[in-house]
Amino acid sequence: MKETKKTASQLDPKLRERLLKESKSPFRGIRRIVWIALFGSSLIGLFVMAFREISGQSVLWSDGLIQVIAVMLSGSLLWFDRSRNTNEES
């Protein structure tokens, strides 16, 4: 029993801290990549629609509204998934 405690105490403190942080927010890196990809995709779609409208082509308002909502939703997901305190960032 004492050997188990001894082994646990021999764990590198930096590794232990990183593992504890990962256990509090699992797959955070993967989620951030997905949110960034969704935000970029919806922003590009909104720019394309805006440039099509500027050039004189017809763009449905409902399609534009969907793109605006997609930009706002993916941006808010990215915003709320950020670290709340600077000590948590890595």
Protein backbone atom coordinates (compact mmCIF):
# COMPACT_ATOMS: atom_id res chain seq x y z
CA MET A 1 0.00 0.00 0.00
CA LYS A 2 2.85 2.37 0.80
CA GLU A 3 4.44 1.65 -2.58
CA THR A 4 1.33 2.94 -4.36
CA LYS A 5 1.47 6.24 -2.49
CA LYS A 6 5.19 6.48 -3.16
CA THR A 7 4.64 5.92 -6.88
CA ALA A 8 1.92 8.56 -7.02
CA SER A 9 4.15 11.09 -5.31
CA GLN A 10 6.92 10.44 -7.84
CA LEU A 11 4.72 11.76 -10.66
CA ASP A 12 6.16 14.89 -12.24
CA PRO A 13 4.28 17.94 -10.85
CA LYS A 14 3.93 19.52 -14.31
CA LEU A 15 2.49 16.31 -15.75
CA ARG A 16 0.13 15.97 -12.79
CA GLU A 17 -1.08 19.55 -13.27
CA ARG A 18 -1.62 18.99 -16.99
CA LEU A 19 -3.55 15.76 -16.36
CA LEU A 20 -5.76 17.46 -13.77
CA LYS A 21 -6.48 20.32 -16.18
CA GLU A 22 -7.33 17.86 -18.95
CA SER A 23 -9.67 15.96 -16.64
CA LYS A 24 -11.56 19.20 -15.89
CA SER A 25 -12.08 20.02 -19.59
CA PRO A 26 -11.58 16.93 -21.75
CA PHE A 27 -10.97 17.29 -25.50
CA ARG A 28 -10.65 21.07 -25.19
CA GLY A 29 -8.10 21.32 -27.99
CA ILE A 30 -10.22 19.32 -30.40
CA ARG A 31 -13.31 21.38 -29.53
CA ARG A 32 -11.42 24.63 -30.14
CA ILE A 33 -10.29 23.40 -33.58
CA VAL A 34 -13.88 22.49 -34.48
CA TRP A 35 -15.21 25.88 -33.28
CA ILE A 36 -12.51 27.75 -35.23
CA ALA A 37 -13.26 25.73 -38.38
CA LEU A 38 -17.00 26.35 -38.08
CA PHE A 39 -16.48 30.06 -37.43
CA GLY A 40 -14.12 30.41 -40.40
CA SER A 41 -16.45 28.52 -42.70
CA SER A 42 -19.50 30.55 -41.76
CA LEU A 43 -17.55 33.82 -42.01
CA ILE A 44 -16.31 32.94 -45.50
CA GLY A 45 -19.88 32.05 -46.50
CA LEU A 46 -21.11 35.40 -45.20
CA PHE A 47 -18.39 37.27 -47.13
CA VAL A 48 -19.25 35.39 -50.32
CA MET A 49 -22.92 36.25 -49.93
CA ALA A 50 -22.10 39.89 -49.21
CA PHE A 51 -19.86 40.16 -52.28
CA ARG A 52 -22.50 38.49 -54.44
CA GLU A 53 -25.05 41.02 -53.22
CA ILE A 54 -22.65 43.90 -53.87
CA SER A 55 -21.97 42.65 -57.40
CA GLY A 56 -25.66 42.74 -58.19
CA GLN A 57 -26.59 39.07 -57.92
CA SER A 58 -29.66 38.21 -55.92
CA VAL A 59 -29.18 36.62 -52.51
CA LEU A 60 -32.18 35.51 -50.49
CA TRP A 61 -32.55 37.26 -47.14
CA SER A 62 -33.26 33.94 -45.46
CA ASP A 63 -29.91 32.57 -46.68
CA GLY A 64 -28.12 35.66 -45.43
CA LEU A 65 -29.89 35.40 -42.09
CA ILE A 66 -28.83 31.76 -41.77
CA GLN A 67 -25.21 32.78 -42.40
CA VAL A 68 -25.37 35.59 -39.85
CA ILE A 69 -26.82 33.21 -37.25
CA ALA A 70 -24.11 30.64 -38.07
CA VAL A 71 -21.37 33.26 -37.57
CA MET A 72 -22.89 34.40 -34.29
CA LEU A 73 -23.43 30.85 -33.01
CA SER A 74 -19.97 29.55 -33.89
CA GLY A 75 -18.36 32.73 -32.58
CA SER A 76 -20.21 32.44 -29.29
CA LEU A 77 -19.23 28.77 -28.95
CA LEU A 78 -15.62 29.79 -29.49
CA TRP A 79 -15.98 32.66 -27.00
CA PHE A 80 -17.57 30.58 -24.24
CA ASP A 81 -15.02 27.76 -24.65
CA ARG A 82 -12.08 30.06 -23.90
CA SER A 83 -10.14 29.86 -20.67
CA ARG A 84 -11.71 31.88 -17.92
CA ASN A 85 -8.43 32.62 -16.23
CA THR A 86 -4.94 33.10 -17.63
CA ASN A 87 -3.44 30.39 -15.40
CA GLU A 88 -5.50 27.74 -17.21
CA GLU A 89 -4.20 28.60 -20.69
CA SER A 90 -1.47 26.51 -22.21
